[in-house]
């Protein structure tokens, strides 16, 4: 049982089922937990902008040329235009 609960997808499914159960059985408790969920969504949104920016910069920057970073091949394709001198 411990091995099954250590997998991320099982934890996510368990959290979804637990959230639906709390909202259905105890609506007041679900409303009380709403700020926690809203804060989590705001944290995720706050992290998306820097991650997207750094991804674009690392792909487009001439300092990060073909062999300098272990990027996947589909991210190296746009660099072919910026790294040629």
PDB file of N, CA and C in Angstrom:
ATOM      1  N   UNK A   1       0.813  -1.191   0.000  1.00  0.00           N
ATOM      2  CA  UNK A   1       0.000   0.000   0.000  1.00  0.00           C
ATOM      3  C   UNK A   1       0.859   1.260   0.000  1.00  0.00           C
ATOM      4  N   UNK A   2       1.983   1.208   0.732  1.00  0.00           N
ATOM      5  CA  UNK A   2       2.856   2.366   0.807  1.00  0.00           C
ATOM      6  C   UNK A   2       3.484   2.671  -0.556  1.00  0.00           C
ATOM      7  N   UNK A   3       3.779   1.634  -1.327  1.00  0.00           N
ATOM      8  CA  UNK A   3       4.376   1.811  -2.638  1.00  0.00           C
ATOM      9  C   UNK A   3       3.390   2.471  -3.597  1.00  0.00           C
ATOM     10  N   UNK A   4       2.105   2.119  -3.465  1.00  0.00           N
ATOM     11  CA  UNK A   4       1.074   2.698  -4.334  1.00  0.00           C
ATOM     12  C   UNK A   4       0.868   4.167  -4.001  1.00  0.00           C
ATOM     13  N   UNK A   5       0.857   4.509  -2.714  1.00  0.00           N
ATOM     14  CA  UNK A   5       0.628   5.897  -2.308  1.00  0.00           C
ATOM     15  C   UNK A   5       1.821   6.807  -2.594  1.00  0.00           C
ATOM     16  N   UNK A   6       2.964   6.252  -2.924  1.00  0.00           N
ATOM     17  CA  UNK A   6       4.119   7.095  -3.221  1.00  0.00           C
ATOM     18  C   UNK A   6       4.111   7.607  -4.658  1.00  0.00           C
ATOM     19  N   UNK A   7       3.227   7.094  -5.488  1.00  0.00           N
ATOM     20  CA  UNK A   7       3.138   7.546  -6.882  1.00  0.00           C
ATOM     21  C   UNK A   7       2.332   8.837  -6.953  1.00  0.00           C
ATOM     22  N   UNK A   8       2.801   9.770  -7.767  1.00  0.00           N
ATOM     23  CA  UNK A   8       2.189  11.100  -7.828  1.00  0.00           C
ATOM     24  C   UNK A   8       0.774  11.058  -8.364  1.00  0.00           C
ATOM     25  N   UNK A   9       0.509  10.262  -9.392  1.00  0.00           N
ATOM     26  CA  UNK A   9      -0.829  10.253  -9.969  1.00  0.00           C
ATOM     27  C   UNK A   9      -1.848   9.686  -8.988  1.00  0.00           C
ATOM     28  N   UNK A  10      -1.429   8.758  -8.131  1.00  0.00           N
ATOM     29  CA  UNK A  10      -2.334   8.226  -7.116  1.00  0.00           C
ATOM     30  C   UNK A  10      -2.634   9.303  -6.076  1.00  0.00           C
ATOM     31  N   UNK A  11      -1.635  10.079  -5.707  1.00  0.00           N
ATOM     32  CA  UNK A  11      -1.839  11.160  -4.751  1.00  0.00           C
ATOM     33  C   UNK A  11      -2.775  12.219  -5.310  1.00  0.00           C
ATOM     34  N   UNK A  12      -2.621  12.555  -6.599  1.00  0.00           N
ATOM     35  CA  UNK A  12      -3.490  13.554  -7.220  1.00  0.00           C
ATOM     36  C   UNK A  12      -4.923  13.047  -7.284  1.00  0.00           C
ATOM     37  N   UNK A  13      -5.112  11.802  -7.704  1.00  0.00           N
ATOM     38  CA  UNK A  13      -6.463  11.236  -7.752  1.00  0.00           C
ATOM     39  C   UNK A  13      -7.089  11.167  -6.362  1.00  0.00           C
ATOM     40  N   UNK A  14      -6.318  10.802  -5.376  1.00  0.00           N
ATOM     41  CA  UNK A  14      -6.816  10.762  -4.010  1.00  0.00           C
ATOM     42  C   UNK A  14      -7.218  12.155  -3.520  1.00  0.00           C
ATOM     43  N   UNK A  15      -6.426  13.162  -3.849  1.00  0.00           N
ATOM     44  CA  UNK A  15      -6.748  14.534  -3.456  1.00  0.00           C
ATOM     45  C   UNK A  15      -8.013  15.024  -4.152  1.00  0.00           C
ATOM     46  N   UNK A  16      -8.212  14.677  -5.418  1.00  0.00           N
ATOM     47  CA  UNK A  16      -9.424  15.068  -6.136  1.00  0.00           C
ATOM     48  C   UNK A  16     -10.643  14.417  -5.502  1.00  0.00           C
ATOM     49  N   UNK A  17     -10.566  13.131  -5.221  1.00  0.00           N
ATOM     50  CA  UNK A  17     -11.684  12.423  -4.593  1.00  0.00           C
ATOM     51  C   UNK A  17     -11.966  12.998  -3.202  1.00  0.00           C
ATOM     52  N   UNK A  18     -10.914  13.284  -2.449  1.00  0.00           N
ATOM     53  CA  UNK A  18     -11.078  13.858  -1.119  1.00  0.00           C
ATOM     54  C   UNK A  18     -11.709  15.252  -1.195  1.00  0.00           C
ATOM     55  N   UNK A  19     -11.296  16.050  -2.164  1.00  0.00           N
ATOM     56  CA  UNK A  19     -11.871  17.382  -2.338  1.00  0.00           C
ATOM     57  C   UNK A  19     -13.334  17.338  -2.718  1.00  0.00           C
ATOM     58  N   UNK A  20     -13.694  16.440  -3.608  1.00  0.00           N
ATOM     59  CA  UNK A  20     -15.104  16.290  -3.993  1.00  0.00           C
ATOM     60  C   UNK A  20     -15.926  15.809  -2.804  1.00  0.00           C
ATOM     61  N   UNK A  21     -15.379  14.889  -2.036  1.00  0.00           N
ATOM     62  CA  UNK A  21     -16.099  14.370  -0.869  1.00  0.00           C
ATOM     63  C   UNK A  21     -16.318  15.461   0.181  1.00  0.00           C
ATOM     64  N   UNK A  22     -15.285  16.234   0.474  1.00  0.00           N
ATOM     65  CA  UNK A  22     -15.421  17.313   1.457  1.00  0.00           C
ATOM     66  C   UNK A  22     -16.432  18.346   0.972  1.00  0.00           C
ATOM     67  N   UNK A  23     -16.395  18.687  -0.306  1.00  0.00           N
ATOM     68  CA  UNK A  23     -17.335  19.662  -0.838  1.00  0.00           C
ATOM     69  C   UNK A  23     -18.767  19.165  -0.843  1.00  0.00           C
ATOM     70  N   UNK A  24     -18.954  17.868  -1.051  1.00  0.00           N
ATOM     71  CA  UNK A  24     -20.314  17.312  -1.098  1.00  0.00           C
ATOM     72  C   UNK A  24     -20.875  17.058   0.297  1.00  0.00           C
ATOM     73  N   UNK A  25     -20.049  16.559   1.200  1.00  0.00           N
ATOM     74  CA  UNK A  25     -20.537  16.191   2.532  1.00  0.00           C
ATOM     75  C   UNK A  25     -20.557  17.390   3.476  1.00  0.00           C
ATOM     76  N   UNK A  26     -19.505  18.196   3.458  1.00  0.00           N
ATOM     77  CA  UNK A  26     -19.404  19.360   4.330  1.00  0.00           C
ATOM     78  C   UNK A  26     -19.192  20.621   3.496  1.00  0.00           C
ATOM     79  N   UNK A  27     -20.251  21.200   2.950  1.00  0.00           N
ATOM     80  CA  UNK A  27     -20.086  22.392   2.090  1.00  0.00           C
ATOM     81  C   UNK A  27     -19.454  23.580   2.820  1.00  0.00           C
ATOM     82  N   UNK A  28     -19.728  23.729   4.094  1.00  0.00           N
ATOM     83  CA  UNK A  28     -19.140  24.844   4.845  1.00  0.00           C
ATOM     84  C   UNK A  28     -17.621  24.693   4.942  1.00  0.00           C
ATOM     85  N   UNK A  29     -17.166  23.473   5.128  1.00  0.00           N
ATOM     86  CA  UNK A  29     -15.721  23.238   5.183  1.00  0.00           C
ATOM     87  C   UNK A  29     -15.082  23.484   3.821  1.00  0.00           C
ATOM     88  N   UNK A  30     -15.811  23.127   2.757  1.00  0.00           N
ATOM     89  CA  UNK A  30     -15.309  23.391   1.410  1.00  0.00           C
ATOM     90  C   UNK A  30     -15.174  24.882   1.140  1.00  0.00           C
ATOM     91  N   UNK A  31     -16.152  25.660   1.601  1.00  0.00           N
ATOM     92  CA  UNK A  31     -16.075  27.117   1.437  1.00  0.00           C
ATOM     93  C   UNK A  31     -14.950  27.704   2.279  1.00  0.00           C
ATOM     94  N   UNK A  32     -14.717  27.132   3.456  1.00  0.00           N
ATOM     95  CA  UNK A  32     -13.636  27.615   4.312  1.00  0.00           C
ATOM     96  C   UNK A  32     -12.263  27.330   3.698  1.00  0.00           C
ATOM     97  N   UNK A  33     -12.155  26.279   2.894  1.00  0.00           N
ATOM     98  CA  UNK A  33     -10.887  25.933   2.253  1.00  0.00           C
ATOM     99  C   UNK A  33     -10.669  26.651   0.923  1.00  0.00           C
ATOM    100  N   UNK A  34     -11.653  27.430   0.481  1.00  0.00           N
ATOM    101  CA  UNK A  34     -11.541  28.126  -0.802  1.00  0.00           C
ATOM    102  C   UNK A  34     -10.327  29.063  -0.869  1.00  0.00           C
ATOM    103  N   UNK A  35     -10.014  29.842   0.167  1.00  0.00           N
ATOM    104  CA  UNK A  35      -8.807  30.689   0.080  1.00  0.00           C
ATOM    105  C   UNK A  35      -7.522  29.901  -0.124  1.00  0.00           C
ATOM    106  N   UNK A  36      -7.471  28.710   0.438  1.00  0.00           N
ATOM    107  CA  UNK A  36      -6.286  27.868   0.244  1.00  0.00           C
ATOM    108  C   UNK A  36      -6.131  27.472  -1.222  1.00  0.00           C
ATOM    109  N   UNK A  37      -7.235  27.086  -1.848  1.00  0.00           N
ATOM    110  CA  UNK A  37      -7.205  26.743  -3.269  1.00  0.00           C
ATOM    111  C   UNK A  37      -6.905  27.940  -4.146  1.00  0.00           C
ATOM    112  N   UNK A  38      -7.489  29.097  -3.807  1.00  0.00           N
ATOM    113  CA  UNK A  38      -7.224  30.310  -4.580  1.00  0.00           C
ATOM    114  C   UNK A  38      -5.758  30.717  -4.489  1.00  0.00           C
ATOM    115  N   UNK A  39      -5.192  30.585  -3.297  1.00  0.00           N
ATOM    116  CA  UNK A  39      -3.765  30.897  -3.133  1.00  0.00           C
ATOM    117  C   UNK A  39      -2.880  29.960  -3.924  1.00  0.00           C
ATOM    118  N   UNK A  40      -3.242  28.686  -3.983  1.00  0.00           N
ATOM    119  CA  UNK A  40      -2.469  27.719  -4.756  1.00  0.00           C
ATOM    120  C   UNK A  40      -2.516  28.063  -6.242  1.00  0.00           C
ATOM    121  N   UNK A  41      -3.691  28.418  -6.750  1.00  0.00           N
ATOM    122  CA  UNK A  41      -3.815  28.798  -8.161  1.00  0.00           C
ATOM    123  C   UNK A  41      -2.993  30.052  -8.446  1.00  0.00           C
ATOM    124  N   UNK A  42      -2.990  31.012  -7.542  1.00  0.00           N
ATOM    125  CA  UNK A  42      -2.188  32.228  -7.735  1.00  0.00           C
ATOM    126  C   UNK A  42      -0.695  31.907  -7.736  1.00  0.00           C
ATOM    127  N   UNK A  43      -0.264  30.976  -6.891  1.00  0.00           N
ATOM    128  CA  UNK A  43       1.148  30.574  -6.886  1.00  0.00           C
ATOM    129  C   UNK A  43       1.552  29.911  -8.198  1.00  0.00           C
ATOM    130  N   UNK A  44       0.681  29.076  -8.734  1.00  0.00           N
ATOM    131  CA  UNK A  44       0.975  28.425 -10.018  1.00  0.00           C
ATOM    132  C   UNK A  44       1.065  29.463 -11.118  1.00  0.00           C
ATOM    133  N   UNK A  45       0.129  30.406 -11.146  1.00  0.00           N
ATOM    134  CA  UNK A  45       0.168  31.468 -12.160  1.00  0.00           C
ATOM    135  C   UNK A  45       1.423  32.316 -12.014  1.00  0.00           C
ATOM    136  N   UNK A  46       1.856  32.555 -10.773  1.00  0.00           N
ATOM    137  CA  UNK A  46       3.039  33.356 -10.532  1.00  0.00           C
ATOM    138  C   UNK A  46       4.298  32.642 -11.034  1.00  0.00           C
ATOM    139  N   UNK A  47       4.318  31.326 -11.008  1.00  0.00           N
ATOM    140  CA  UNK A  47       5.479  30.570 -11.464  1.00  0.00           C
ATOM    141  C   UNK A  47       5.528  30.405 -12.975  1.00  0.00           C
ATOM    142  N   UNK A  48       4.390  30.477 -13.647  1.00  0.00           N
ATOM    143  CA  UNK A  48       4.362  30.227 -15.087  1.00  0.00           C
ATOM    144  C   UNK A  48       5.105  31.296 -15.891  1.00  0.00           C
ATOM    145  N   UNK A  49       4.954  32.555 -15.543  1.00  0.00           N
ATOM    146  CA  UNK A  49       5.594  33.622 -16.319  1.00  0.00           C
ATOM    147  C   UNK A  49       7.126  33.512 -16.312  1.00  0.00           C
ATOM    148  N   UNK A  50       7.784  33.380 -15.159  1.00  0.00           N
ATOM    149  CA  UNK A  50       9.251  33.243 -15.193  1.00  0.00           C
ATOM    150  C   UNK A  50       9.734  31.986 -15.910  1.00  0.00           C
ATOM    151  N   UNK A  51       9.005  30.890 -15.759  1.00  0.00           N
ATOM    152  CA  UNK A  51       9.421  29.657 -16.434  1.00  0.00           C
ATOM    153  C   UNK A  51       9.324  29.824 -17.945  1.00  0.00           C
ATOM    154  N   UNK A  52       8.235  30.413 -18.429  1.00  0.00           N
ATOM    155  CA  UNK A  52       8.106  30.655 -19.863  1.00  0.00           C
ATOM    156  C   UNK A  52       9.178  31.624 -20.359  1.00  0.00           C
ATOM    157  N   UNK A  53       9.425  32.692 -19.611  1.00  0.00           N
ATOM    158  CA  UNK A  53      10.437  33.666 -20.012  1.00  0.00           C
ATOM    159  C   UNK A  53      11.820  33.025 -20.094  1.00  0.00           C
ATOM    160  N   UNK A  54      12.196  32.267 -19.082  1.00  0.00           N
ATOM    161  CA  UNK A  54      13.516  31.648 -19.086  1.00  0.00           C
ATOM    162  C   UNK A  54      13.651  30.595 -20.175  1.00  0.00           C
ATOM    163  N   UNK A  55      12.561  29.929 -20.514  1.00  0.00           N
ATOM    164  CA  UNK A  55      12.604  28.963 -21.607  1.00  0.00           C
ATOM    165  C   UNK A  55      12.877  29.662 -22.924  1.00  0.00           C
ATOM    166  N   UNK A  56      12.184  30.757 -23.178  1.00  0.00           N
ATOM    167  CA  UNK A  56      12.385  31.492 -24.428  1.00  0.00           C
ATOM    168  C   UNK A  56      13.775  32.093 -24.484  1.00  0.00           C
ATOM    169  N   UNK A  57      14.244  32.661 -23.385  1.00  0.00           N
ATOM    170  CA  UNK A  57      15.571  33.276 -23.370  1.00  0.00           C
ATOM    171  C   UNK A  57      16.651  32.221 -23.587  1.00  0.00           C
ATOM    172  N   UNK A  58      16.517  31.084 -22.951  1.00  0.00           N
ATOM    173  CA  UNK A  58      17.559  30.066 -23.099  1.00  0.00           C
ATOM    174  C   UNK A  58      17.568  29.472 -24.499  1.00  0.00           C
ATOM    175  N   UNK A  59      16.451  29.483 -25.185  1.00  0.00           N
ATOM    176  CA  UNK A  59      16.399  28.954 -26.546  1.00  0.00           C
ATOM    177  C   UNK A  59      16.942  29.975 -27.529  1.00  0.00           C
ATOM    178  N   UNK A  60      16.629  31.238 -27.330  1.00  0.00           N
ATOM    179  CA  UNK A  60      16.984  32.278 -28.302  1.00  0.00           C
ATOM    180  C   UNK A  60      18.348  32.925 -28.086  1.00  0.00           C
ATOM    181  N   UNK A  61      18.914  32.795 -26.933  1.00  0.00           N
ATOM    182  CA  UNK A  61      20.154  33.504 -26.626  1.00  0.00           C
ATOM    183  C   UNK A  61      21.346  32.877 -27.342  1.00  0.00           C
ATOM    184  N   UNK A  62      22.196  33.706 -27.978  1.00  0.00           N
ATOM    185  CA  UNK A  62      23.399  33.160 -28.623  1.00  0.00           C
ATOM    186  C   UNK A  62      24.408  32.592 -27.617  1.00  0.00           C
ATOM    187  N   UNK A  63      24.316  33.012 -26.371  1.00  0.00           N
ATOM    188  CA  UNK A  63      25.240  32.481 -25.368  1.00  0.00           C
ATOM    189  C   UNK A  63      24.986  30.996 -25.123  1.00  0.00           C
ATOM    190  N   UNK A  64      23.745  30.573 -25.310  1.00  0.00           N
ATOM    191  CA  UNK A  64      23.399  29.171 -25.168  1.00  0.00           C
ATOM    192  C   UNK A  64      23.362  28.550 -26.553  1.00  0.00           C
ATOM    193  N   UNK A  65      24.503  28.260 -27.098  1.00  0.00           N
ATOM    194  CA  UNK A  65      24.523  27.724 -28.458  1.00  0.00           C
ATOM    195  C   UNK A  65      24.348  26.207 -28.436  1.00  0.00           C
ATOM    196  N   UNK A  66      24.503  25.550 -29.574  1.00  0.00           N
ATOM    197  CA  UNK A  66      24.123  24.141 -29.758  1.00  0.00           C
ATOM    198  C   UNK A  66      24.626  23.215 -28.668  1.00  0.00           C
ATOM    199  N   UNK A  67      25.898  23.248 -28.368  1.00  0.00           N
ATOM    200  CA  UNK A  67      26.447  22.237 -27.463  1.00  0.00           C
ATOM    201  C   UNK A  67      26.521  22.702 -26.018  1.00  0.00           C
ATOM    202  N   UNK A  68      26.083  23.913 -25.714  1.00  0.00           N
ATOM    203  CA  UNK A  68      26.298  24.432 -24.366  1.00  0.00           C
ATOM    204  C   UNK A  68      25.270  23.967 -23.353  1.00  0.00           C
ATOM    205  N   UNK A  69      24.087  23.557 -23.781  1.00  0.00           N
ATOM    206  CA  UNK A  69      23.090  23.132 -22.807  1.00  0.00           C
ATOM    207  C   UNK A  69      22.411  21.852 -23.290  1.00  0.00           C
ATOM    208  N   UNK A  70      22.049  20.985 -22.363  1.00  0.00           N
ATOM    209  CA  UNK A  70      21.387  19.728 -22.745  1.00  0.00           C
ATOM    210  C   UNK A  70      19.899  19.922 -22.997  1.00  0.00           C
ATOM    211  N   UNK A  71      19.556  20.600 -24.089  1.00  0.00           N
ATOM    212  CA  UNK A  71      18.165  20.848 -24.418  1.00  0.00           C
ATOM    213  C   UNK A  71      17.681  19.804 -25.424  1.00  0.00           C
ATOM    214  N   UNK A  72      16.395  19.512 -25.404  1.00  0.00           N
ATOM    215  CA  UNK A  72      15.857  18.564 -26.384  1.00  0.00           C
ATOM    216  C   UNK A  72      15.970  19.107 -27.808  1.00  0.00           C
ATOM    217  N   UNK A  73      15.902  18.230 -28.794  1.00  0.00           N
ATOM    218  CA  UNK A  73      16.129  18.629 -30.183  1.00  0.00           C
ATOM    219  C   UNK A  73      15.081  19.618 -30.668  1.00  0.00           C
ATOM    220  N   UNK A  74      13.842  19.528 -30.187  1.00  0.00           N
ATOM    221  CA  UNK A  74      12.814  20.440 -30.702  1.00  0.00           C
ATOM    222  C   UNK A  74      12.979  21.847 -30.147  1.00  0.00           C
ATOM    223  N   UNK A  75      13.720  21.996 -29.057  1.00  0.00           N
ATOM    224  CA  UNK A  75      13.999  23.334 -28.551  1.00  0.00           C
ATOM    225  C   UNK A  75      15.254  23.909 -29.203  1.00  0.00           C
ATOM    226  N   UNK A  76      16.087  23.058 -29.798  1.00  0.00           N
ATOM    227  CA  UNK A  76      17.295  23.540 -30.456  1.00  0.00           C
ATOM    228  C   UNK A  76      17.037  24.027 -31.868  1.00  0.00           C
ATOM    229  N   UNK A  77      15.911  23.670 -32.464  1.00  0.00           N
ATOM    230  CA  UNK A  77      15.638  24.078 -33.831  1.00  0.00           C
ATOM    231  C   UNK A  77      15.590  25.604 -34.002  1.00  0.00           C
ATOM    232  N   UNK A  78      14.902  26.355 -33.151  1.00  0.00           N
ATOM    233  CA  UNK A  78      14.911  27.811 -33.319  1.00  0.00           C
ATOM    234  C   UNK A  78      16.284  28.428 -33.126  1.00  0.00           C
ATOM    235  N   UNK A  79      17.175  27.747 -32.369  1.00  0.00           N
ATOM    236  CA  UNK A  79      18.512  28.294 -32.145  1.00  0.00           C
ATOM    237  C   UNK A  79      19.380  28.258 -33.395  1.00  0.00           C
ATOM    238  N   UNK A  80      18.999  27.489 -34.380  1.00  0.00           N
ATOM    239  CA  UNK A  80      19.811  27.407 -35.593  1.00  0.00           C
ATOM    240  C   UNK A  80      19.896  28.764 -36.271  1.00  0.00           C
ATOM    241  N   UNK A  81      18.883  29.580 -36.147  1.00  0.00           N
ATOM    242  CA  UNK A  81      18.899  30.896 -36.791  1.00  0.00           C
ATOM    243  C   UNK A  81      19.667  31.927 -35.980  1.00  0.00           C
ATOM    244  N   UNK A  82      19.649  31.812 -34.644  1.00  0.00           N
ATOM    245  CA  UNK A  82      20.300  32.871 -33.848  1.00  0.00           C
ATOM    246  C   UNK A  82      21.765  32.583 -33.598  1.00  0.00           C
ATOM    247  N   UNK A  83      22.241  31.361 -33.754  1.00  0.00           N
ATOM    248  CA  UNK A  83      23.629  31.045 -33.405  1.00  0.00           C
ATOM    249  C   UNK A  83      24.586  31.182 -34.577  1.00  0.00           C
ATOM    250  N   UNK A  84      24.074  31.388 -35.752  1.00  0.00           N
ATOM    251  CA  UNK A  84      24.978  31.532 -36.914  1.00  0.00           C
ATOM    252  C   UNK A  84      25.504  32.961 -36.968  1.00  0.00           C
ATOM    253  N   UNK A  85      26.785  33.079 -37.241  1.00  0.00           N
ATOM    254  CA  UNK A  85      27.359  34.432 -37.316  1.00  0.00           C
ATOM    255  C   UNK A  85      27.829  34.748 -38.703  1.00  0.00           C
TER     256      UNK A  85
END
